[in-house]
């Protein structure tokens, strides 16, 4: 959609994913779009270096989220929201509500 503005389709997908779910890690984003993890991690590091994202370690996983101190985050997220609302139906599957943590042991199906 706006991959030219973001530099690549990978960058666009990473930003849309983070907008939809507020945070995420490389493998999670890569699985959602069927992309190589290395490509996603490269984009995440680029956005962190640029000040749009911050990261923290959760165990051995680096989780990225929006940088609350960046003045560019709010306008960017408004643009991303408009993009999400106007995605063609066949491109919406990675943004549907999905289970984000394991089901509790013993819980019925």
Protein backbone atom coordinates (compact mmCIF):
# COMPACT_ATOMS: atom_id res chain seq x y z
CA UNK A 1 0.00 0.00 0.00
CA UNK A 2 2.54 2.62 1.14
CA UNK A 3 5.66 0.50 0.92
CA UNK A 4 7.38 3.23 -1.12
CA UNK A 5 6.92 5.65 1.78
CA UNK A 6 8.30 3.15 4.31
CA UNK A 7 11.12 1.91 2.09
CA UNK A 8 9.98 -1.69 1.72
CA UNK A 9 7.08 -4.04 2.10
CA UNK A 10 8.81 -5.58 5.12
CA UNK A 11 8.95 -2.20 6.87
CA UNK A 12 5.28 -1.57 6.14
CA UNK A 13 4.27 -4.98 7.51
CA UNK A 14 6.34 -4.59 10.67
CA UNK A 15 4.81 -1.18 11.41
CA UNK A 16 1.27 -2.38 10.72
CA UNK A 17 1.77 -5.40 12.98
CA UNK A 18 3.13 -3.27 15.82
CA UNK A 19 0.32 -0.77 15.40
CA UNK A 20 -2.29 -3.52 15.60
CA UNK A 21 -0.80 -5.39 18.56
CA UNK A 22 1.21 -2.58 20.30
CA UNK A 23 4.26 -4.82 20.69
CA UNK A 24 5.87 -7.86 19.17
CA UNK A 25 9.06 -9.78 18.51
CA UNK A 26 10.80 -10.76 15.31
CA UNK A 27 9.64 -14.35 15.01
CA UNK A 28 6.05 -13.44 15.82
CA UNK A 29 5.91 -10.85 13.03
CA UNK A 30 7.72 -13.14 10.59
CA UNK A 31 5.25 -15.97 11.19
CA UNK A 32 2.26 -13.66 10.71
CA UNK A 33 3.44 -12.71 7.22
CA UNK A 34 5.50 -15.72 6.17
CA UNK A 35 8.67 -13.63 6.03
CA UNK A 36 12.26 -14.45 6.97
CA UNK A 37 12.94 -13.65 10.64
CA UNK A 38 16.22 -11.92 9.71
CA UNK A 39 14.38 -9.47 7.46
CA UNK A 40 11.91 -8.59 10.23
CA UNK A 41 14.67 -8.23 12.83
CA UNK A 42 16.58 -5.91 10.50
CA UNK A 43 13.51 -3.64 10.23
CA UNK A 44 12.89 -3.71 13.99
CA UNK A 45 16.49 -2.70 14.70
CA UNK A 46 16.29 0.06 12.09
CA UNK A 47 13.13 1.51 13.67
CA UNK A 48 14.66 1.28 17.14
CA UNK A 49 17.80 3.06 15.97
CA UNK A 50 15.59 5.74 14.40
CA UNK A 51 13.78 6.28 17.70
CA UNK A 52 10.32 4.99 16.73
CA UNK A 53 10.59 1.81 18.78
CA UNK A 54 12.09 0.70 22.07
CA UNK A 55 12.91 -2.84 23.07
CA UNK A 56 13.31 -4.90 26.19
CA UNK A 57 14.39 -8.44 26.87
CA UNK A 58 11.73 -10.83 28.11
CA UNK A 59 13.69 -13.96 28.91
CA UNK A 60 15.78 -14.44 25.78
CA UNK A 61 13.30 -12.69 23.49
CA UNK A 62 13.67 -9.04 22.47
CA UNK A 63 10.20 -7.47 22.47
CA UNK A 64 9.66 -4.21 20.60
CA UNK A 65 7.05 -1.56 21.32
CA UNK A 66 6.39 2.07 20.41
CA UNK A 67 8.67 4.72 21.88
CA UNK A 68 6.40 6.91 24.03
CA UNK A 69 8.94 9.78 23.86
CA UNK A 70 8.96 10.05 20.07
CA UNK A 71 6.92 12.93 18.63
CA UNK A 72 6.50 10.95 15.40
CA UNK A 73 4.72 7.94 16.87
CA UNK A 74 1.22 9.43 17.24
CA UNK A 75 0.99 10.80 13.67
CA UNK A 76 2.49 7.60 12.27
CA UNK A 77 -0.01 5.47 14.17
CA UNK A 78 -2.89 7.56 12.80
CA UNK A 79 -1.62 6.85 9.29
CA UNK A 80 -1.22 3.15 10.09
CA UNK A 81 -4.78 3.02 11.47
CA UNK A 82 -6.09 4.48 8.21
CA UNK A 83 -4.10 1.88 6.30
CA UNK A 84 -5.49 -0.97 8.41
CA UNK A 85 -9.05 0.24 7.96
CA UNK A 86 -8.59 0.29 4.18
CA UNK A 87 -6.76 -2.99 3.65
CA UNK A 88 -8.36 -5.30 1.09
CA UNK A 89 -10.10 -8.27 2.79
CA UNK A 90 -7.53 -10.77 1.50
CA UNK A 91 -4.73 -8.90 3.34
CA UNK A 92 -6.46 -8.67 6.74
CA UNK A 93 -5.75 -12.16 8.12
CA UNK A 94 -2.50 -11.26 9.98
CA UNK A 95 -4.41 -8.53 11.85
CA UNK A 96 -7.35 -10.55 13.16
CA UNK A 97 -7.46 -11.17 16.86
CA UNK A 98 -5.24 -14.11 17.53
CA UNK A 99 -4.25 -15.90 20.70
CA UNK A 100 -1.11 -14.19 21.93
CA UNK A 101 -0.22 -16.56 24.74
CA UNK A 102 -0.58 -20.27 25.36
CA UNK A 103 -3.86 -21.73 26.60
CA UNK A 104 -3.88 -22.55 30.30
CA UNK A 105 -3.09 -26.22 30.97
CA UNK A 106 -6.19 -28.31 31.55
CA UNK A 107 -8.55 -25.73 30.07
CA UNK A 108 -11.18 -27.35 27.83
CA UNK A 109 -10.83 -26.84 24.03
